[in-house]
Amino acid sequence: KAIGVDSGWAVFLVAAAVAVIFFMIALALALPVYVVIVN
């Protein structure tokens, strides 16, 4: 939204991709207490 993209598919796919990235980073870091706190 900040860069002006309003396409439903584009927003959904980017949001899903970033969600997966954050999911994998949290899994790789293996620091559950900080994952809990930040999120």
PDB file of all heavy atoms in Angstrom:
ATOM      1  N   LYS A   1       0.838  -1.200   0.000  1.00  0.00           N
ATOM      2  CA  LYS A   1       0.000   0.000   0.000  1.00  0.00           C
ATOM      3  C   LYS A   1       0.870   1.246   0.000  1.00  0.00           C
ATOM      4  O   LYS A   1       0.560   2.246  -0.668  1.00  0.00           O
ATOM      5  CB  LYS A   1      -0.924   0.006   1.223  1.00  0.00           C
ATOM      6  CG  LYS A   1      -1.807   1.257   1.311  1.00  0.00           C
ATOM      7  CD  LYS A   1      -2.664   1.427   0.068  1.00  0.00           C
ATOM      8  CE  LYS A   1      -3.504   2.692   0.127  1.00  0.00           C
ATOM      9  NZ  LYS A   1      -4.267   2.905  -1.119  1.00  0.00           N
ATOM     10  N   ALA A   2       1.975   1.195   0.732  1.00  0.00           N
ATOM     11  CA  ALA A   2       2.861   2.358   0.834  1.00  0.00           C
ATOM     12  C   ALA A   2       3.440   2.743  -0.528  1.00  0.00           C
ATOM     13  O   ALA A   2       3.674   3.929  -0.796  1.00  0.00           O
ATOM     14  CB  ALA A   2       3.988   2.070   1.818  1.00  0.00           C
ATOM     15  N   ILE A   3       3.663   1.755  -1.405  1.00  0.00           N
ATOM     16  CA  ILE A   3       4.214   2.061  -2.729  1.00  0.00           C
ATOM     17  C   ILE A   3       3.120   2.184  -3.784  1.00  0.00           C
ATOM     18  O   ILE A   3       3.405   2.292  -4.980  1.00  0.00           O
ATOM     19  CB  ILE A   3       5.255   1.003  -3.162  1.00  0.00           C
ATOM     20  CG1 ILE A   3       4.620  -0.391  -3.293  1.00  0.00           C
ATOM     21  CG2 ILE A   3       6.413   0.961  -2.175  1.00  0.00           C
ATOM     22  CD1 ILE A   3       5.591  -1.454  -3.815  1.00  0.00           C
ATOM     23  N   GLY A   4       1.864   2.153  -3.336  1.00  0.00           N
ATOM     24  CA  GLY A   4       0.748   2.437  -4.242  1.00  0.00           C
ATOM     25  C   GLY A   4       0.204   1.269  -5.028  1.00  0.00           C
ATOM     26  O   GLY A   4      -0.494   1.468  -6.031  1.00  0.00           O
ATOM     27  N   VAL A   5       0.473   0.024  -4.601  1.00  0.00           N
ATOM     28  CA  VAL A   5      -0.043  -1.151  -5.303  1.00  0.00           C
ATOM     29  C   VAL A   5      -1.392  -1.545  -4.718  1.00  0.00           C
ATOM     30  O   VAL A   5      -1.495  -1.798  -3.516  1.00  0.00           O
ATOM     31  CB  VAL A   5       0.939  -2.334  -5.194  1.00  0.00           C
ATOM     32  CG1 VAL A   5       0.347  -3.571  -5.874  1.00  0.00           C
ATOM     33  CG2 VAL A   5       2.272  -1.966  -5.816  1.00  0.00           C
ATOM     34  N   ASP A   6      -2.428  -1.611  -5.576  1.00  0.00           N
ATOM     35  CA  ASP A   6      -3.772  -1.939  -5.112  1.00  0.00           C
ATOM     36  C   ASP A   6      -4.302  -3.257  -5.679  1.00  0.00           C
ATOM     37  O   ASP A   6      -5.428  -3.650  -5.371  1.00  0.00           O
ATOM     38  CB  ASP A   6      -4.754  -0.817  -5.486  1.00  0.00           C
ATOM     39  CG  ASP A   6      -4.466   0.471  -4.727  1.00  0.00           C
ATOM     40  OD1 ASP A   6      -3.953   0.380  -3.596  1.00  0.00           O
ATOM     41  OD2 ASP A   6      -4.737   1.552  -5.278  1.00  0.00           O
ATOM     42  N   SER A   7      -3.537  -3.895  -6.526  1.00  0.00           N
ATOM     43  CA  SER A   7      -3.981  -5.144  -7.142  1.00  0.00           C
ATOM     44  C   SER A   7      -4.137  -6.228  -6.077  1.00  0.00           C
ATOM     45  O   SER A   7      -3.202  -6.517  -5.317  1.00  0.00           O
ATOM     46  CB  SER A   7      -2.960  -5.608  -8.181  1.00  0.00           C
ATOM     47  OG  SER A   7      -3.233  -6.926  -8.612  1.00  0.00           O
ATOM     48  N   GLY A   8      -5.341  -6.819  -6.020  1.00  0.00           N
ATOM     49  CA  GLY A   8      -5.619  -7.835  -5.008  1.00  0.00           C
ATOM     50  C   GLY A   8      -4.649  -8.995  -5.031  1.00  0.00           C
ATOM     51  O   GLY A   8      -4.117  -9.404  -3.988  1.00  0.00           O
ATOM     52  N   TRP A   9      -4.391  -9.528  -6.216  1.00  0.00           N
ATOM     53  CA  TRP A   9      -3.491 -10.671  -6.333  1.00  0.00           C
ATOM     54  C   TRP A   9      -2.070 -10.305  -5.933  1.00  0.00           C
ATOM     55  O   TRP A   9      -1.394 -11.053  -5.230  1.00  0.00           O
ATOM     56  CB  TRP A   9      -3.494 -11.212  -7.770  1.00  0.00           C
ATOM     57  CG  TRP A   9      -4.470 -12.310  -7.973  1.00  0.00           C
ATOM     58  CD1 TRP A   9      -5.623 -12.275  -8.695  1.00  0.00           C
ATOM     59  CD2 TRP A   9      -4.389 -13.627  -7.427  1.00  0.00           C
ATOM     60  NE1 TRP A   9      -6.276 -13.481  -8.627  1.00  0.00           N
ATOM     61  CE2 TRP A   9      -5.544 -14.334  -7.864  1.00  0.00           C
ATOM     62  CE3 TRP A   9      -3.478 -14.280  -6.599  1.00  0.00           C
ATOM     63  CZ2 TRP A   9      -5.794 -15.655  -7.511  1.00  0.00           C
ATOM     64  CZ3 TRP A   9      -3.732 -15.611  -6.235  1.00  0.00           C
ATOM     65  CH2 TRP A   9      -4.866 -16.274  -6.690  1.00  0.00           C
ATOM     66  N   ALA A  10      -1.624  -9.129  -6.366  1.00  0.00           N
ATOM     67  CA  ALA A  10      -0.253  -8.713  -6.053  1.00  0.00           C
ATOM     68  C   ALA A  10      -0.062  -8.546  -4.555  1.00  0.00           C
ATOM     69  O   ALA A  10       0.929  -9.018  -3.980  1.00  0.00           O
ATOM     70  CB  ALA A  10       0.067  -7.405  -6.783  1.00  0.00           C
ATOM     71  N   VAL A  11      -1.014  -7.877  -3.901  1.00  0.00           N
ATOM     72  CA  VAL A  11      -0.922  -7.660  -2.454  1.00  0.00           C
ATOM     73  C   VAL A  11      -0.962  -8.988  -1.716  1.00  0.00           C
ATOM     74  O   VAL A  11      -0.169  -9.229  -0.794  1.00  0.00           O
ATOM     75  CB  VAL A  11      -2.059  -6.744  -1.960  1.00  0.00           C
ATOM     76  CG1 VAL A  11      -2.028  -6.635  -0.432  1.00  0.00           C
ATOM     77  CG2 VAL A  11      -1.941  -5.361  -2.579  1.00  0.00           C
ATOM     78  N   PHE A  12      -1.877  -9.867  -2.114  1.00  0.00           N
ATOM     79  CA  PHE A  12      -2.027 -11.162  -1.452  1.00  0.00           C
ATOM     80  C   PHE A  12      -0.757 -11.990  -1.586  1.00  0.00           C
ATOM     81  O   PHE A  12      -0.274 -12.576  -0.605  1.00  0.00           O
ATOM     82  CB  PHE A  12      -3.212 -11.918  -2.049  1.00  0.00           C
ATOM     83  CG  PHE A  12      -3.437 -13.277  -1.427  1.00  0.00           C
ATOM     84  CD1 PHE A  12      -4.054 -13.392  -0.192  1.00  0.00           C
ATOM     85  CD2 PHE A  12      -3.022 -14.428  -2.072  1.00  0.00           C
ATOM     86  CE1 PHE A  12      -4.265 -14.638   0.392  1.00  0.00           C
ATOM     87  CE2 PHE A  12      -3.217 -15.673  -1.506  1.00  0.00           C
ATOM     88  CZ  PHE A  12      -3.847 -15.781  -0.263  1.00  0.00           C
ATOM     89  N   LEU A  13      -0.183 -12.051  -2.796  1.00  0.00           N
ATOM     90  CA  LEU A  13       1.005 -12.870  -3.030  1.00  0.00           C
ATOM     91  C   LEU A  13       2.227 -12.327  -2.280  1.00  0.00           C
ATOM     92  O   LEU A  13       3.004 -13.093  -1.702  1.00  0.00           O
ATOM     93  CB  LEU A  13       1.299 -12.954  -4.532  1.00  0.00           C
ATOM     94  CG  LEU A  13       0.306 -13.778  -5.359  1.00  0.00           C
ATOM     95  CD1 LEU A  13       0.642 -13.702  -6.845  1.00  0.00           C
ATOM     96  CD2 LEU A  13       0.297 -15.235  -4.897  1.00  0.00           C
ATOM     97  N   VAL A  14       2.400 -11.001  -2.280  1.00  0.00           N
ATOM     98  CA  VAL A  14       3.535 -10.416  -1.571  1.00  0.00           C
ATOM     99  C   VAL A  14       3.382 -10.623  -0.066  1.00  0.00           C
ATOM    100  O   VAL A  14       4.349 -10.976   0.626  1.00  0.00           O
ATOM    101  CB  VAL A  14       3.673  -8.914  -1.897  1.00  0.00           C
ATOM    102  CG1 VAL A  14       4.682  -8.246  -0.957  1.00  0.00           C
ATOM    103  CG2 VAL A  14       4.109  -8.729  -3.340  1.00  0.00           C
ATOM    104  N   ALA A  15       2.163 -10.391   0.448  1.00  0.00           N
ATOM    105  CA  ALA A  15       1.916 -10.604   1.873  1.00  0.00           C
ATOM    106  C   ALA A  15       2.193 -12.063   2.253  1.00  0.00           C
ATOM    107  O   ALA A  15       2.804 -12.344   3.292  1.00  0.00           O
ATOM    108  CB  ALA A  15       0.480 -10.232   2.225  1.00  0.00           C
ATOM    109  N   ALA A  16       1.748 -12.991   1.406  1.00  0.00           N
ATOM    110  CA  ALA A  16       1.974 -14.416   1.670  1.00  0.00           C
ATOM    111  C   ALA A  16       3.467 -14.750   1.629  1.00  0.00           C
ATOM    112  O   ALA A  16       3.965 -15.511   2.463  1.00  0.00           O
ATOM    113  CB  ALA A  16       1.222 -15.261   0.648  1.00  0.00           C
ATOM    114  N   ALA A  17       4.184 -14.161   0.665  1.00  0.00           N
ATOM    115  CA  ALA A  17       5.623 -14.424   0.531  1.00  0.00           C
ATOM    116  C   ALA A  17       6.391 -13.908   1.749  1.00  0.00           C
ATOM    117  O   ALA A  17       7.258 -14.611   2.287  1.00  0.00           O
ATOM    118  CB  ALA A  17       6.158 -13.763  -0.742  1.00  0.00           C
ATOM    119  N   VAL A  18       6.068 -12.694   2.193  1.00  0.00           N
ATOM    120  CA  VAL A  18       6.750 -12.137   3.365  1.00  0.00           C
ATOM    121  C   VAL A  18       6.390 -12.936   4.619  1.00  0.00           C
ATOM    122  O   VAL A  18       7.226 -13.139   5.505  1.00  0.00           O
ATOM    123  CB  VAL A  18       6.402 -10.649   3.558  1.00  0.00           C
ATOM    124  CG1 VAL A  18       7.114 -10.084   4.783  1.00  0.00           C
ATOM    125  CG2 VAL A  18       6.789  -9.846   2.323  1.00  0.00           C
ATOM    126  N   ALA A  19       5.140 -13.407   4.690  1.00  0.00           N
ATOM    127  CA  ALA A  19       4.720 -14.239   5.818  1.00  0.00           C
ATOM    128  C   ALA A  19       5.553 -15.518   5.881  1.00  0.00           C
ATOM    129  O   ALA A  19       6.015 -15.924   6.961  1.00  0.00           O
ATOM    130  CB  ALA A  19       3.237 -14.585   5.699  1.00  0.00           C
ATOM    131  N   VAL A  20       5.769 -16.144   4.743  1.00  0.00           N
ATOM    132  CA  VAL A  20       6.575 -17.372   4.686  1.00  0.00           C
ATOM    133  C   VAL A  20       8.020 -17.076   5.099  1.00  0.00           C
ATOM    134  O   VAL A  20       8.642 -17.852   5.830  1.00  0.00           O
ATOM    135  CB  VAL A  20       6.537 -17.986   3.273  1.00  0.00           C
ATOM    136  CG1 VAL A  20       7.550 -19.124   3.157  1.00  0.00           C
ATOM    137  CG2 VAL A  20       5.137 -18.496   2.958  1.00  0.00           C
ATOM    138  N   ILE A  21       8.550 -15.942   4.646  1.00  0.00           N
ATOM    139  CA  ILE A  21       9.926 -15.561   4.994  1.00  0.00           C
ATOM    140  C   ILE A  21      10.062 -15.393   6.510  1.00  0.00           C
ATOM    141  O   ILE A  21      11.009 -15.899   7.127  1.00  0.00           O
ATOM    142  CB  ILE A  21      10.328 -14.262   4.269  1.00  0.00           C
ATOM    143  CG1 ILE A  21      10.459 -14.517   2.766  1.00  0.00           C
ATOM    144  CG2 ILE A  21      11.643 -13.716   4.841  1.00  0.00           C
ATOM    145  CD1 ILE A  21      10.670 -13.264   1.947  1.00  0.00           C
ATOM    146  N   PHE A  22       9.114 -14.671   7.113  1.00  0.00           N
ATOM    147  CA  PHE A  22       9.149 -14.469   8.563  1.00  0.00           C
ATOM    148  C   PHE A  22       8.991 -15.797   9.302  1.00  0.00           C
ATOM    149  O   PHE A  22       9.636 -16.024  10.334  1.00  0.00           O
ATOM    150  CB  PHE A  22       8.047 -13.499   8.994  1.00  0.00           C
ATOM    151  CG  PHE A  22       8.469 -12.055   8.970  1.00  0.00           C
ATOM    152  CD1 PHE A  22       8.944 -11.471   7.798  1.00  0.00           C
ATOM    153  CD2 PHE A  22       8.395 -11.273  10.107  1.00  0.00           C
ATOM    154  CE1 PHE A  22       9.343 -10.144   7.769  1.00  0.00           C
ATOM    155  CE2 PHE A  22       8.799  -9.950  10.098  1.00  0.00           C
ATOM    156  CZ  PHE A  22       9.275  -9.384   8.924  1.00  0.00           C
ATOM    157  N   PHE A  23       8.128 -16.657   8.792  1.00  0.00           N
ATOM    158  CA  PHE A  23       7.911 -17.989   9.373  1.00  0.00           C
ATOM    159  C   PHE A  23       9.225 -18.768   9.383  1.00  0.00           C
ATOM    160  O   PHE A  23       9.615 -19.350  10.407  1.00  0.00           O
ATOM    161  CB  PHE A  23       6.843 -18.722   8.556  1.00  0.00           C
ATOM    162  CG  PHE A  23       6.451 -20.060   9.100  1.00  0.00           C
ATOM    163  CD1 PHE A  23       5.293 -20.204   9.859  1.00  0.00           C
ATOM    164  CD2 PHE A  23       7.213 -21.191   8.835  1.00  0.00           C
ATOM    165  CE1 PHE A  23       4.912 -21.448  10.357  1.00  0.00           C
ATOM    166  CE2 PHE A  23       6.843 -22.436   9.327  1.00  0.00           C
ATOM    167  CZ  PHE A  23       5.691 -22.564  10.091  1.00  0.00           C
ATOM    168  N   MET A  24       9.913 -18.778   8.242  1.00  0.00           N
ATOM    169  CA  MET A  24      11.160 -19.538   8.116  1.00  0.00           C
ATOM    170  C   MET A  24      12.282 -18.928   8.953  1.00  0.00           C
ATOM    171  O   MET A  24      13.092 -19.656   9.539  1.00  0.00           O
ATOM    172  CB  MET A  24      11.571 -19.601   6.638  1.00  0.00           C
ATOM    173  CG  MET A  24      10.582 -20.334   5.751  1.00  0.00           C
ATOM    174  SD  MET A  24      10.182 -22.006   6.360  1.00  0.00           S
ATOM    175  CE  MET A  24      11.779 -22.802   6.209  1.00  0.00           C
ATOM    176  N   ILE A  25      12.331 -17.585   9.029  1.00  0.00           N
ATOM    177  CA  ILE A  25      13.355 -16.941   9.850  1.00  0.00           C
ATOM    178  C   ILE A  25      13.156 -17.298  11.323  1.00  0.00           C
ATOM    179  O   ILE A  25      14.114 -17.614  12.044  1.00  0.00           O
ATOM    180  CB  ILE A  25      13.307 -15.403   9.671  1.00  0.00           C
ATOM    181  CG1 ILE A  25      13.805 -15.015   8.276  1.00  0.00           C
ATOM    182  CG2 ILE A  25      14.144 -14.708  10.750  1.00  0.00           C
ATOM    183  CD1 ILE A  25      13.686 -13.547   7.969  1.00  0.00           C
ATOM    184  N   ALA A  26      11.891 -17.244  11.774  1.00  0.00           N
ATOM    185  CA  ALA A  26      11.593 -17.590  13.166  1.00  0.00           C
ATOM    186  C   ALA A  26      11.970 -19.042  13.456  1.00  0.00           C
ATOM    187  O   ALA A  26      12.500 -19.356  14.525  1.00  0.00           O
ATOM    188  CB  ALA A  26      10.108 -17.362  13.449  1.00  0.00           C
ATOM    189  N   LEU A  27      11.708 -19.920  12.499  1.00  0.00           N
ATOM    190  CA  LEU A  27      12.038 -21.340  12.669  1.00  0.00           C
ATOM    191  C   LEU A  27      13.550 -21.540  12.713  1.00  0.00           C
ATOM    192  O   LEU A  27      14.065 -22.306  13.541  1.00  0.00           O
ATOM    193  CB  LEU A  27      11.433 -22.153  11.531  1.00  0.00           C
ATOM    194  CG  LEU A  27      11.635 -23.670  11.578  1.00  0.00           C
ATOM    195  CD1 LEU A  27      10.984 -24.258  12.829  1.00  0.00           C
ATOM    196  CD2 LEU A  27      11.054 -24.324  10.324  1.00  0.00           C
ATOM    197  N   ALA A  28      14.269 -20.822  11.843  1.00  0.00           N
ATOM    198  CA  ALA A  28      15.721 -20.980  11.766  1.00  0.00           C
ATOM    199  C   ALA A  28      16.422 -20.393  12.989  1.00  0.00           C
ATOM    200  O   ALA A  28      17.405 -20.957  13.469  1.00  0.00           O
ATOM    201  CB  ALA A  28      16.247 -20.318  10.496  1.00  0.00           C
ATOM    202  N   LEU A  29      15.913 -19.283  13.502  1.00  0.00           N
ATOM    203  CA  LEU A  29      16.560 -18.642  14.651  1.00  0.00           C
ATOM    204  C   LEU A  29      16.439 -19.473  15.926  1.00  0.00           C
ATOM    205  O   LEU A  29      17.299 -19.419  16.800  1.00  0.00           O
ATOM    206  CB  LEU A  29      15.954 -17.256  14.894  1.00  0.00           C
ATOM    207  CG  LEU A  29      16.313 -16.182  13.870  1.00  0.00           C
ATOM    208  CD1 LEU A  29      15.589 -14.879  14.189  1.00  0.00           C
ATOM    209  CD2 LEU A  29      17.828 -15.949  13.841  1.00  0.00           C
ATOM    210  N   ALA A  30      15.335 -20.227  16.025  1.00  0.00           N
ATOM    211  CA  ALA A  30      15.120 -21.095  17.188  1.00  0.00           C
ATOM    212  C   ALA A  30      15.214 -20.327  18.502  1.00  0.00           C
ATOM    213  O   ALA A  30      15.838 -20.774  19.464  1.00  0.00           O
ATOM    214  CB  ALA A  30      16.108 -22.263  17.181  1.00  0.00           C
ATOM    215  N   LEU A  31      14.639 -19.142  18.548  1.00  0.00           N
ATOM    216  CA  LEU A  31      14.584 -18.324  19.765  1.00  0.00           C
ATOM    217  C   LEU A  31      13.108 -18.048  20.077  1.00  0.00           C
ATOM    218  O   LEU A  31      12.624 -16.920  19.899  1.00  0.00           O
ATOM    219  CB  LEU A  31      15.341 -17.013  19.566  1.00  0.00           C
ATOM    220  CG  LEU A  31      16.850 -17.131  19.328  1.00  0.00           C
ATOM    221  CD1 LEU A  31      17.430 -15.787  18.938  1.00  0.00           C
ATOM    222  CD2 LEU A  31      17.533 -17.674  20.577  1.00  0.00           C
ATOM    223  N   PRO A  32      12.390 -19.064  20.514  1.00  0.00           N
ATOM    224  CA  PRO A  32      10.937 -18.951  20.652  1.00  0.00           C
ATOM    225  C   PRO A  32      10.452 -17.816  21.541  1.00  0.00           C
ATOM    226  O   PRO A  32       9.443 -17.187  21.251  1.00  0.00           O
ATOM    227  CB  PRO A  32      10.526 -20.313  21.224  1.00  0.00           C
ATOM    228  CG  PRO A  32      11.772 -20.879  21.832  1.00  0.00           C
ATOM    229  CD  PRO A  32      12.875 -20.382  20.962  1.00  0.00           C
ATOM    230  N   VAL A  33      11.184 -17.538  22.631  1.00  0.00           N
ATOM    231  CA  VAL A  33      10.699 -16.507  23.541  1.00  0.00           C
ATOM    232  C   VAL A  33      10.707 -15.136  22.859  1.00  0.00           C
ATOM    233  O   VAL A  33       9.791 -14.325  23.048  1.00  0.00           O
ATOM    234  CB  VAL A  33      11.533 -16.480  24.837  1.00  0.00           C
ATOM    235  CG1 VAL A  33      12.942 -16.000  24.571  1.00  0.00           C
ATOM    236  CG2 VAL A  33      10.865 -15.578  25.879  1.00  0.00           C
ATOM    237  N   TYR A  34      11.711 -14.875  22.032  1.00  0.00           N
ATOM    238  CA  TYR A  34      11.768 -13.595  21.330  1.00  0.00           C
ATOM    239  C   TYR A  34      10.760 -13.551  20.177  1.00  0.00           C
ATOM    240  O   TYR A  34      10.230 -12.483  19.850  1.00  0.00           O
ATOM    241  CB  TYR A  34      13.186 -13.336  20.825  1.00  0.00           C
ATOM    242  CG  TYR A  34      14.159 -13.076  21.961  1.00  0.00           C
ATOM    243  CD1 TYR A  34      15.012 -14.066  22.422  1.00  0.00           C
ATOM    244  CD2 TYR A  34      14.192 -11.832  22.592  1.00  0.00           C
ATOM    245  CE1 TYR A  34      15.884 -13.838  23.477  1.00  0.00           C
ATOM    246  CE2 TYR A  34      15.057 -11.585  23.653  1.00  0.00           C
ATOM    247  CZ  TYR A  34      15.895 -12.596  24.084  1.00  0.00           C
ATOM    248  OH  TYR A  34      16.743 -12.355  25.139  1.00  0.00           O
ATOM    249  N   VAL A  35      10.525 -14.701  19.559  1.00  0.00           N
ATOM    250  CA  VAL A  35       9.488 -14.784  18.532  1.00  0.00           C
ATOM    251  C   VAL A  35       8.137 -14.415  19.136  1.00  0.00           C
ATOM    252  O   VAL A  35       7.359 -13.647  18.570  1.00  0.00           O
ATOM    253  CB  VAL A  35       9.427 -16.213  17.931  1.00  0.00           C
ATOM    254  CG1 VAL A  35       8.190 -16.366  17.040  1.00  0.00           C
ATOM    255  CG2 VAL A  35      10.683 -16.507  17.131  1.00  0.00           C
ATOM    256  N   VAL A  36       7.875 -14.959  20.325  1.00  0.00           N
ATOM    257  CA  VAL A  36       6.628 -14.676  21.030  1.00  0.00           C
ATOM    258  C   VAL A  36       6.516 -13.191  21.362  1.00  0.00           C
ATOM    259  O   VAL A  36       5.495 -12.551  21.098  1.00  0.00           O
ATOM    260  CB  VAL A  36       6.531 -15.514  22.328  1.00  0.00           C
ATOM    261  CG1 VAL A  36       5.347 -15.049  23.169  1.00  0.00           C
ATOM    262  CG2 VAL A  36       6.404 -16.992  21.995  1.00  0.00           C
ATOM    263  N   ILE A  37       7.567 -12.625  21.929  1.00  0.00           N
ATOM    264  CA  ILE A  37       7.547 -11.231  22.370  1.00  0.00           C
ATOM    265  C   ILE A  37       7.306 -10.273  21.204  1.00  0.00           C
ATOM    266  O   ILE A  37       6.411  -9.422  21.242  1.00  0.00           O
ATOM    267  CB  ILE A  37       8.871 -10.872  23.076  1.00  0.00           C
ATOM    268  CG1 ILE A  37       8.928 -11.540  24.452  1.00  0.00           C
ATOM    269  CG2 ILE A  37       9.016  -9.361  23.219  1.00  0.00           C
ATOM    270  CD1 ILE A  37      10.258 -11.358  25.152  1.00  0.00           C
ATOM    271  N   VAL A  38       8.117 -10.393  20.166  1.00  0.00           N
ATOM    272  CA  VAL A  38       8.034  -9.458  19.039  1.00  0.00           C
ATOM    273  C   VAL A  38       6.695  -9.566  18.323  1.00  0.00           C
ATOM    274  O   VAL A  38       6.051  -8.551  18.015  1.00  0.00           O
ATOM    275  CB  VAL A  38       9.192  -9.706  18.043  1.00  0.00           C
ATOM    276  CG1 VAL A  38       8.987  -8.862  16.783  1.00  0.00           C
ATOM    277  CG2 VAL A  38      10.527  -9.373  18.688  1.00  0.00           C
ATOM    278  N   ASN A  39       6.248 -10.780  18.099  1.00  0.00           N
ATOM    279  CA  ASN A  39       5.044 -10.946  17.287  1.00  0.00           C
ATOM    280  C   ASN A  39       3.756 -10.685  18.045  1.00  0.00           C
ATOM    281  O   ASN A  39       2.785 -10.204  17.457  1.00  0.00           O
ATOM    282  CB  ASN A  39       5.048 -12.336  16.648  1.00  0.00           C
ATOM    283  CG  ASN A  39       6.144 -12.474  15.621  1.00  0.00           C
ATOM    284  OD1 ASN A  39       6.107 -11.836  14.580  1.00  0.00           O
ATOM    285  ND2 ASN A  39       7.150 -13.278  15.916  1.00  0.00           N
TER     286      ASN A  39
END
